[in-house]
Amino acid sequence: MSLAPRGKGKSIVDSSRLSGPEKAAVILLSLGEDHDAIWRMLDEEEIKEVSQAMAGLGNVSASVVEELLVEFVSGMSGAGSIMGSFEQTQKLLAAFMAPEKVDNLMEEIRGPAGRTMWDKLGNVNEAVLANYLKNEYPQTVAVVLSKIKSEHAARVLSALPEDFALECVMRMLRMEPVQREILDKIEQTLRTEFMSNLARTSKRDSHEMMAEIFNSFDRQTESRFIAALEERNRESAERIRALMFVFEDLSKLDPGGVQTLLRAVEKDQLGLALKGASDALREMFFSNMSERAAKIMREDMESMGPVRLRDVDAAQMAMVQVAKDLAAKGEIMLAGAGGDDELIY
């Protein structure tokens, strides 16, 4: 494995010789584009420094990459994790920044994503937003709902008490253009009373973040890092493993959920994924197909002959992603590997 070859003949085989920015550059290159949220937490100078280090890295040996990733995972999972230092960061910023600027910055880091207040509200869970709005004046709620996307507004209305929701609907029907100063006041109230509280209470467990990253590894890489992490911190390794959703967890789907998934997956991808499945999981999928479809699938799998492990891993990861997409649409529900709930259609 090598990262960012630059043709300069430079090869890094000792992590102790790397600077902080160079270590960060290796980690970010290893995680790839799917984890660009980490970049968004850096300021302009930090981005410039890490980018410069990245551009000059040259070849990085697989052992160095593995060592740094294990160090990163251990740091994320330990008591001194990034999420655990939120309050300390706030204190440090308060030493040289105005309180209002500190609050706004920490809100951006911890709060929902979005450039404007209304974008941010669109990324707040409808039940959480409804729980806050139910204590506001119906006219205020009407203004808020008129500013967010209609699909989200519909879900929020459904989560509000029925009589109150109907009153908000009536206010929206009679609404006239809102004066700028009133809109500004509502935005400021949302920022100070809702978003700031939400930012402080929506702390994401670092183990959940690492479970998502581990889910993106191929099987061999995942096993290697889990084993290495177990040697350093067995408790964190077990927590991450419990939070991961893997291909075999699809065995918790009921028949309706399996059939929903089968309709959404390409047949060649399904056959390749099942080549590496346990007998029990394979039979579960076959039992939810018609007899003819199951027979054809078995024949197709047999005709494939030997297949590469990495191709099977890719097909299984793709199926897991399809399942997650279906769950996001509300068509199936997924329970984590360590959860007590079954997957319910």
Protein backbone atom coordinates (compact mmCIF):
# COMPACT_ATOMS: atom_id res chain seq x y z
CA MET A 1 0.00 0.00 0.00
CA SER A 2 1.34 3.43 -0.84
CA LEU A 3 -0.05 6.92 -0.60
CA ALA A 4 0.42 10.01 -2.78
CA PRO A 5 3.50 8.96 -4.77
CA ARG A 6 5.25 12.06 -6.10
CA GLY A 7 8.05 10.52 -8.10
CA LYS A 8 10.68 12.15 -5.88
CA GLY A 9 12.16 8.86 -4.69
CA LYS A 10 11.00 9.68 -1.17
CA SER A 11 9.74 6.73 0.88
CA ILE A 12 8.55 6.90 4.48
CA VAL A 13 9.06 3.76 6.55
CA ASP A 14 9.31 5.26 10.07
CA SER A 15 6.32 7.09 11.54
CA SER A 16 8.43 8.69 14.28
CA ARG A 17 10.12 10.87 11.65
CA LEU A 18 6.80 12.40 10.56
CA SER A 19 5.64 15.79 11.77
CA GLY A 20 2.15 16.37 13.12
CA PRO A 21 0.84 17.78 9.81
CA GLU A 22 2.40 14.86 7.92
CA LYS A 23 0.73 12.34 10.22
CA ALA A 24 -2.59 14.15 9.70
CA ALA A 25 -2.00 14.07 5.94
CA VAL A 26 -1.47 10.29 5.97
CA ILE A 27 -4.65 9.75 8.03
CA LEU A 28 -6.76 11.95 5.75
CA LEU A 29 -5.42 10.29 2.60
CA SER A 30 -6.17 6.87 4.10
CA LEU A 31 -9.75 7.77 4.98
CA GLY A 32 -10.40 9.14 1.49
CA GLU A 33 -13.12 11.45 0.18
CA ASP A 34 -15.99 9.77 2.06
CA HIS A 35 -14.82 11.32 5.34
CA ASP A 36 -14.38 14.93 4.24
CA ALA A 37 -16.24 16.10 7.36
CA ILE A 38 -12.88 16.02 9.15
CA TRP A 39 -11.53 18.65 6.73
CA ARG A 40 -14.45 20.92 7.58
CA MET A 41 -13.35 20.97 11.22
CA LEU A 42 -9.96 22.51 10.30
CA ASP A 43 -9.39 26.22 9.92
CA GLU A 44 -7.84 27.76 6.81
CA GLU A 45 -4.28 27.73 8.15
CA GLU A 46 -4.54 24.11 9.29
CA ILE A 47 -5.91 23.06 5.90
CA LYS A 48 -3.03 24.85 4.18
CA GLU A 49 -0.44 23.23 6.47
CA VAL A 50 -1.85 19.71 6.08
CA SER A 51 -2.26 20.16 2.31
CA GLN A 52 1.37 21.21 1.94
CA ALA A 53 2.47 18.19 3.96
CA MET A 54 0.24 15.94 1.86
CA ALA A 55 1.65 17.21 -1.42
CA GLY A 56 5.19 16.37 -0.33
CA LEU A 57 4.61 13.03 1.36
CA GLY A 58 5.88 10.70 -1.35
CA ASN A 59 5.45 6.95 -0.78
CA VAL A 60 4.27 5.84 2.67
CA SER A 61 4.76 2.20 3.56
CA ALA A 62 1.79 0.04 4.55
CA SER A 63 3.25 -0.52 8.02
CA VAL A 64 3.44 3.24 8.67
CA VAL A 65 -0.13 3.76 7.44
CA GLU A 66 -1.38 0.96 9.67
CA GLU A 67 0.55 2.23 12.68
CA LEU A 68 -0.83 5.76 12.30
CA LEU A 69 -4.40 4.57 11.75
CA VAL A 70 -4.26 2.40 14.86
CA GLU A 71 -2.84 5.38 16.77
CA PHE A 72 -5.69 7.53 15.40
CA VAL A 73 -8.36 4.95 16.29
CA SER A 74 -6.93 4.52 19.78
CA GLY A 75 -6.93 8.27 20.30
CA MET A 76 -10.51 8.60 19.08
CA SER A 77 -11.65 5.74 21.32
CA GLY A 78 -9.81 6.80 24.47
CA ALA A 79 -10.64 9.28 27.18
CA GLY A 80 -8.82 12.06 25.31
CA SER A 81 -10.92 11.72 22.18
CA ILE A 82 -11.84 14.61 19.90
CA MET A 83 -15.46 14.66 21.02
CA GLY A 84 -14.39 14.51 24.64
CA SER A 85 -12.37 17.72 24.26
CA PHE A 86 -15.29 19.89 23.10
CA GLU A 87 -15.59 21.75 26.40
CA GLN A 88 -11.80 22.22 26.65
CA THR A 89 -11.75 23.65 23.13
CA GLN A 90 -14.49 26.07 24.09
CA LYS A 91 -12.49 27.23 27.13
CA LEU A 92 -9.36 27.76 25.05
CA LEU A 93 -11.23 29.81 22.44
CA ALA A 94 -12.86 31.90 25.17
CA ALA A 95 -9.41 33.09 26.23
CA PHE A 96 -8.95 35.17 23.07
CA MET A 97 -12.37 35.37 21.36
CA ALA A 98 -15.57 37.21 22.20
CA PRO A 99 -18.18 34.96 23.87
CA GLU A 100 -20.64 35.41 21.00
CA LYS A 101 -18.04 34.36 18.42
CA VAL A 102 -17.08 31.33 20.50
CA ASP A 103 -20.72 30.25 20.75
CA ASN A 104 -21.24 30.64 17.01
CA LEU A 105 -18.08 28.71 16.18
CA MET A 106 -18.87 25.84 18.53
CA GLU A 107 -22.40 25.73 17.15
CA GLU A 108 -20.96 25.35 13.64
CA ILE A 109 -18.73 22.49 14.78
CA ARG A 110 -21.31 20.63 16.82
CA GLY A 111 -24.64 21.74 15.36
CA PRO A 112 -26.51 20.53 12.26
CA ALA A 113 -24.91 21.23 8.90
CA GLY A 114 -26.13 24.09 6.72
CA ARG A 115 -25.11 27.55 5.60
CA THR A 116 -28.24 29.38 6.83
CA MET A 117 -30.41 28.90 9.89
CA TRP A 118 -33.13 27.39 7.71
CA ASP A 119 -30.67 24.95 6.14
CA LYS A 120 -29.63 23.90 9.63
CA LEU A 121 -33.23 23.38 10.75
CA GLY A 122 -33.74 21.17 7.73
CA ASN A 123 -31.13 18.79 9.17
CA VAL A 124 -32.71 18.60 12.62
CA ASN A 125 -34.77 15.51 13.41
CA GLU A 126 -38.46 16.34 13.04
CA ALA A 127 -39.35 14.99 16.51
CA VAL A 128 -36.65 17.16 18.14
CA LEU A 129 -37.75 20.25 16.22
CA ALA A 130 -41.45 19.59 16.95
CA ASN A 131 -40.72 19.17 20.65
CA TYR A 132 -39.21 22.67 20.69
CA LEU A 133 -41.81 24.35 18.46
CA LYS A 134 -44.81 23.05 20.39
CA ASN A 135 -43.98 25.60 23.11
CA GLU A 136 -43.84 28.54 20.69
CA TYR A 137 -46.63 30.78 19.39
CA PRO A 138 -48.49 29.24 16.41
CA GLN A 139 -47.60 32.29 14.31
CA THR A 140 -43.88 31.78 15.03
CA VAL A 141 -44.17 28.10 14.15
CA ALA A 142 -45.98 29.03 10.94
CA VAL A 143 -43.09 31.28 9.92
CA VAL A 144 -40.51 28.58 10.71
CA LEU A 145 -42.41 25.90 8.77
CA SER A 146 -42.82 28.21 5.80
CA LYS A 147 -39.04 28.65 5.61
CA ILE A 148 -37.98 25.00 5.61
CA LYS A 149 -38.50 22.37 2.91
CA SER A 150 -42.07 21.19 2.51
CA GLU A 151 -41.21 17.51 3.12
CA HIS A 152 -39.55 18.35 6.41
CA ALA A 153 -42.35 20.75 7.38
CA ALA A 154 -44.85 17.94 6.79
CA ARG A 155 -42.96 15.60 9.11
CA VAL A 156 -42.72 18.30 11.80
CA LEU A 157 -46.45 19.03 11.57
CA SER A 158 -47.19 15.33 11.94
CA ALA A 159 -45.12 15.25 15.14
CA LEU A 160 -46.92 18.25 16.69
CA PRO A 161 -50.10 17.91 18.81
CA GLU A 162 -52.99 17.76 16.34
CA ASP A 163 -54.91 20.86 17.50
CA PHE A 164 -51.75 22.93 17.67
CA ALA A 165 -50.63 21.70 14.24
CA LEU A 166 -54.00 22.64 12.74
CA GLU A 167 -53.74 26.14 14.23
CA CYS A 168 -50.27 26.48 12.66
CA VAL A 169 -51.69 25.37 9.30
CA MET A 170 -54.41 28.05 9.55
CA ARG A 171 -51.78 30.70 10.33
CA MET A 172 -49.72 29.59 7.33
CA LEU A 173 -52.78 29.87 5.06
CA ARG A 174 -53.37 33.46 6.18
CA MET A 175 -49.70 34.43 6.28
CA GLU A 176 -48.54 37.63 4.63
CA PRO A 177 -44.91 38.52 3.82
CA VAL A 178 -42.89 38.60 7.05
CA GLN A 179 -40.99 41.77 7.87
CA ARG A 180 -37.21 41.39 7.82
CA GLU A 181 -36.78 42.50 11.43
CA ILE A 182 -39.29 39.90 12.64
CA LEU A 183 -37.56 37.19 10.63
CA ASP A 184 -34.19 38.27 12.06
CA LYS A 185 -35.59 38.10 15.59
CA ILE A 186 -36.94 34.59 15.01
CA GLU A 187 -33.59 33.47 13.58
CA GLN A 188 -31.74 34.93 16.57
CA THR A 189 -34.11 33.22 19.00
CA LEU A 190 -33.64 29.90 17.22
CA ARG A 191 -29.87 30.37 17.32
CA THR A 192 -29.64 31.25 21.02
CA GLU A 193 -32.44 29.14 22.51
CA PHE A 194 -32.57 26.08 20.26
CA MET A 195 -29.45 25.55 18.17
CA SER A 196 -26.97 26.30 20.95
CA ASN A 197 -28.73 23.85 23.29
CA LEU A 198 -28.96 21.29 20.50
CA ALA A 199 -25.25 21.65 19.81
CA ARG A 200 -24.42 20.98 23.45
CA THR A 201 -26.68 17.93 23.74
CA SER A 202 -26.10 16.25 20.36
CA LYS A 203 -22.64 14.95 21.23
CA ARG A 204 -21.81 12.07 18.93
CA ASP A 205 -20.07 9.10 20.45
CA SER A 206 -16.59 8.74 18.94
CA HIS A 207 -17.08 4.96 18.83
CA GLU A 208 -20.02 5.46 16.43
CA MET A 209 -17.79 7.51 14.12
CA MET A 210 -15.10 4.82 14.21
CA ALA A 211 -17.69 2.08 13.56
CA GLU A 212 -18.70 3.90 10.36
CA ILE A 213 -15.07 4.14 9.29
CA PHE A 214 -14.48 0.45 10.07
CA ASN A 215 -17.59 -0.43 8.05
CA SER A 216 -15.88 1.12 5.04
CA PHE A 217 -12.84 -1.16 5.33
CA ASP A 218 -12.62 -4.38 3.37
CA ARG A 219 -12.85 -7.52 5.49
CA GLN A 220 -9.11 -8.13 5.83
CA THR A 221 -8.30 -4.52 6.74
CA GLU A 222 -11.16 -4.42 9.24
CA SER A 223 -9.95 -7.62 10.94
CA ARG A 224 -6.40 -6.32 11.08
CA PHE A 225 -7.35 -3.05 12.74
CA ILE A 226 -9.81 -4.64 15.16
CA ALA A 227 -7.12 -7.10 16.23
CA ALA A 228 -4.54 -4.32 16.64
CA LEU A 229 -6.98 -2.17 18.60
CA GLU A 230 -7.88 -5.08 20.88
CA GLU A 231 -4.25 -5.24 21.98
CA ARG A 232 -4.34 -1.58 23.00
CA ASN A 233 -7.91 -1.14 24.19
CA ARG A 234 -10.12 -4.24 24.25
CA GLU A 235 -13.17 -2.37 25.58
CA SER A 236 -13.12 0.16 22.72
CA ALA A 237 -12.62 -2.60 20.15
CA GLU A 238 -15.66 -4.44 21.50
CA ARG A 239 -17.78 -1.29 21.48
CA ILE A 240 -16.82 -0.51 17.88
CA ARG A 241 -17.54 -4.10 16.80
CA ALA A 242 -20.96 -3.94 18.49
CA LEU A 243 -21.84 -0.69 16.70
CA MET A 244 -20.80 -1.90 13.25
CA PHE A 245 -23.49 -3.03 10.84
CA VAL A 246 -22.10 -5.82 8.70
CA PHE A 247 -23.40 -8.09 5.97
CA GLU A 248 -24.27 -10.97 8.33
CA ASP A 249 -26.54 -8.59 10.30
CA LEU A 250 -28.95 -8.80 7.35
CA SER A 251 -29.97 -12.15 8.86
CA LYS A 252 -32.14 -10.15 11.30
CA LEU A 253 -34.45 -8.96 8.52
CA ASP A 254 -37.92 -10.44 8.48
CA PRO A 255 -39.29 -11.88 5.18
CA GLY A 256 -40.81 -8.57 4.09
CA GLY A 257 -37.57 -6.74 4.69
CA VAL A 258 -35.57 -9.35 2.80
CA GLN A 259 -37.92 -9.09 -0.18
CA THR A 260 -37.67 -5.29 -0.16
CA LEU A 261 -33.89 -5.59 -0.21
CA LEU A 262 -33.95 -8.23 -2.97
CA ARG A 263 -35.95 -5.92 -5.21
CA ALA A 264 -33.38 -3.16 -4.76
CA VAL A 265 -30.20 -5.18 -5.38
CA GLU A 266 -28.71 -6.06 -8.74
CA LYS A 267 -28.88 -9.83 -9.33
CA ASP A 268 -25.20 -10.23 -10.26
CA GLN A 269 -24.21 -8.27 -7.17
CA LEU A 270 -26.45 -10.47 -5.02
CA GLY A 271 -24.93 -13.66 -6.36
CA LEU A 272 -21.40 -12.42 -5.72
CA ALA A 273 -22.27 -11.28 -2.18
CA LEU A 274 -23.91 -14.61 -1.33
CA LYS A 275 -20.81 -16.50 -2.48
CA GLY A 276 -19.15 -15.31 0.72
CA ALA A 277 -22.21 -15.56 3.00
CA SER A 278 -22.79 -18.14 5.72
CA ASP A 279 -25.01 -21.09 4.78
CA ALA A 280 -27.78 -19.80 7.07
CA LEU A 281 -27.82 -16.31 5.54
CA ARG A 282 -27.64 -17.71 2.01
CA GLU A 283 -30.62 -19.98 2.67
CA MET A 284 -32.57 -17.09 4.19
CA PHE A 285 -32.27 -15.14 0.94
CA PHE A 286 -33.11 -18.21 -1.18
CA SER A 287 -36.20 -18.94 0.93
CA ASN A 288 -37.53 -15.46 0.16
CA MET A 289 -37.26 -15.97 -3.61
CA SER A 290 -39.54 -17.95 -5.84
CA GLU A 291 -38.41 -21.53 -6.37
CA ARG A 292 -37.43 -20.73 -9.96
CA ALA A 293 -35.51 -17.56 -9.02
CA ALA A 294 -33.63 -19.39 -6.26
CA LYS A 295 -32.71 -22.20 -8.69
CA ILE A 296 -31.39 -19.69 -11.26
CA MET A 297 -29.42 -17.83 -8.57
CA ARG A 298 -27.79 -21.07 -7.35
CA GLU A 299 -26.85 -21.97 -10.93
CA ASP A 300 -25.44 -18.50 -11.56
CA MET A 301 -23.35 -18.68 -8.39
CA GLU A 302 -22.04 -22.10 -9.32
CA SER A 303 -21.10 -20.95 -12.82
CA MET A 304 -19.06 -18.07 -11.33
CA GLY A 305 -16.45 -20.52 -10.09
CA PRO A 306 -13.79 -19.13 -7.71
CA VAL A 307 -14.16 -15.40 -7.04
CA ARG A 308 -11.79 -12.91 -5.47
CA LEU A 309 -12.38 -12.12 -1.81
CA ARG A 310 -12.14 -8.38 -2.44
CA ASP A 311 -14.91 -8.63 -5.06
CA VAL A 312 -17.14 -10.47 -2.60
CA ASP A 313 -16.38 -7.87 0.08
CA ALA A 314 -17.26 -5.05 -2.33
CA ALA A 315 -20.57 -6.70 -3.26
CA GLN A 316 -21.46 -7.29 0.39
CA MET A 317 -20.59 -3.70 1.33
CA ALA A 318 -22.73 -2.47 -1.56
CA MET A 319 -25.68 -4.55 -0.31
CA VAL A 320 -25.24 -3.17 3.20
CA GLN A 321 -25.27 0.35 1.74
CA VAL A 322 -28.48 -0.41 -0.18
CA ALA A 323 -30.01 -1.64 3.08
CA LYS A 324 -28.95 1.58 4.83
CA ASP A 325 -30.44 3.66 2.01
CA LEU A 326 -33.73 1.77 2.31
CA ALA A 327 -33.69 2.36 6.06
CA ALA A 328 -33.13 6.09 5.48
CA LYS A 329 -36.25 6.12 3.29
CA GLY A 330 -38.22 4.35 6.02
CA GLU A 331 -38.77 1.19 3.97
CA ILE A 332 -36.89 -1.05 6.40
CA MET A 333 -35.44 -0.55 9.87
CA LEU A 334 -31.91 -1.56 10.74
CA ALA A 335 -30.67 -2.52 14.18
CA GLY A 336 -26.97 -2.41 14.95
CA ALA A 337 -25.03 -5.58 15.47
CA GLY A 338 -24.99 -5.01 19.19
CA GLY A 339 -28.65 -3.98 19.49
CA ASP A 340 -31.43 -6.02 21.05
CA ASP A 341 -34.00 -5.19 18.38
CA GLU A 342 -34.53 -7.28 15.31
CA LEU A 343 -34.59 -5.67 11.88
CA ILE A 344 -38.25 -4.98 11.14
CA TYR A 345 -39.95 -4.43 7.80
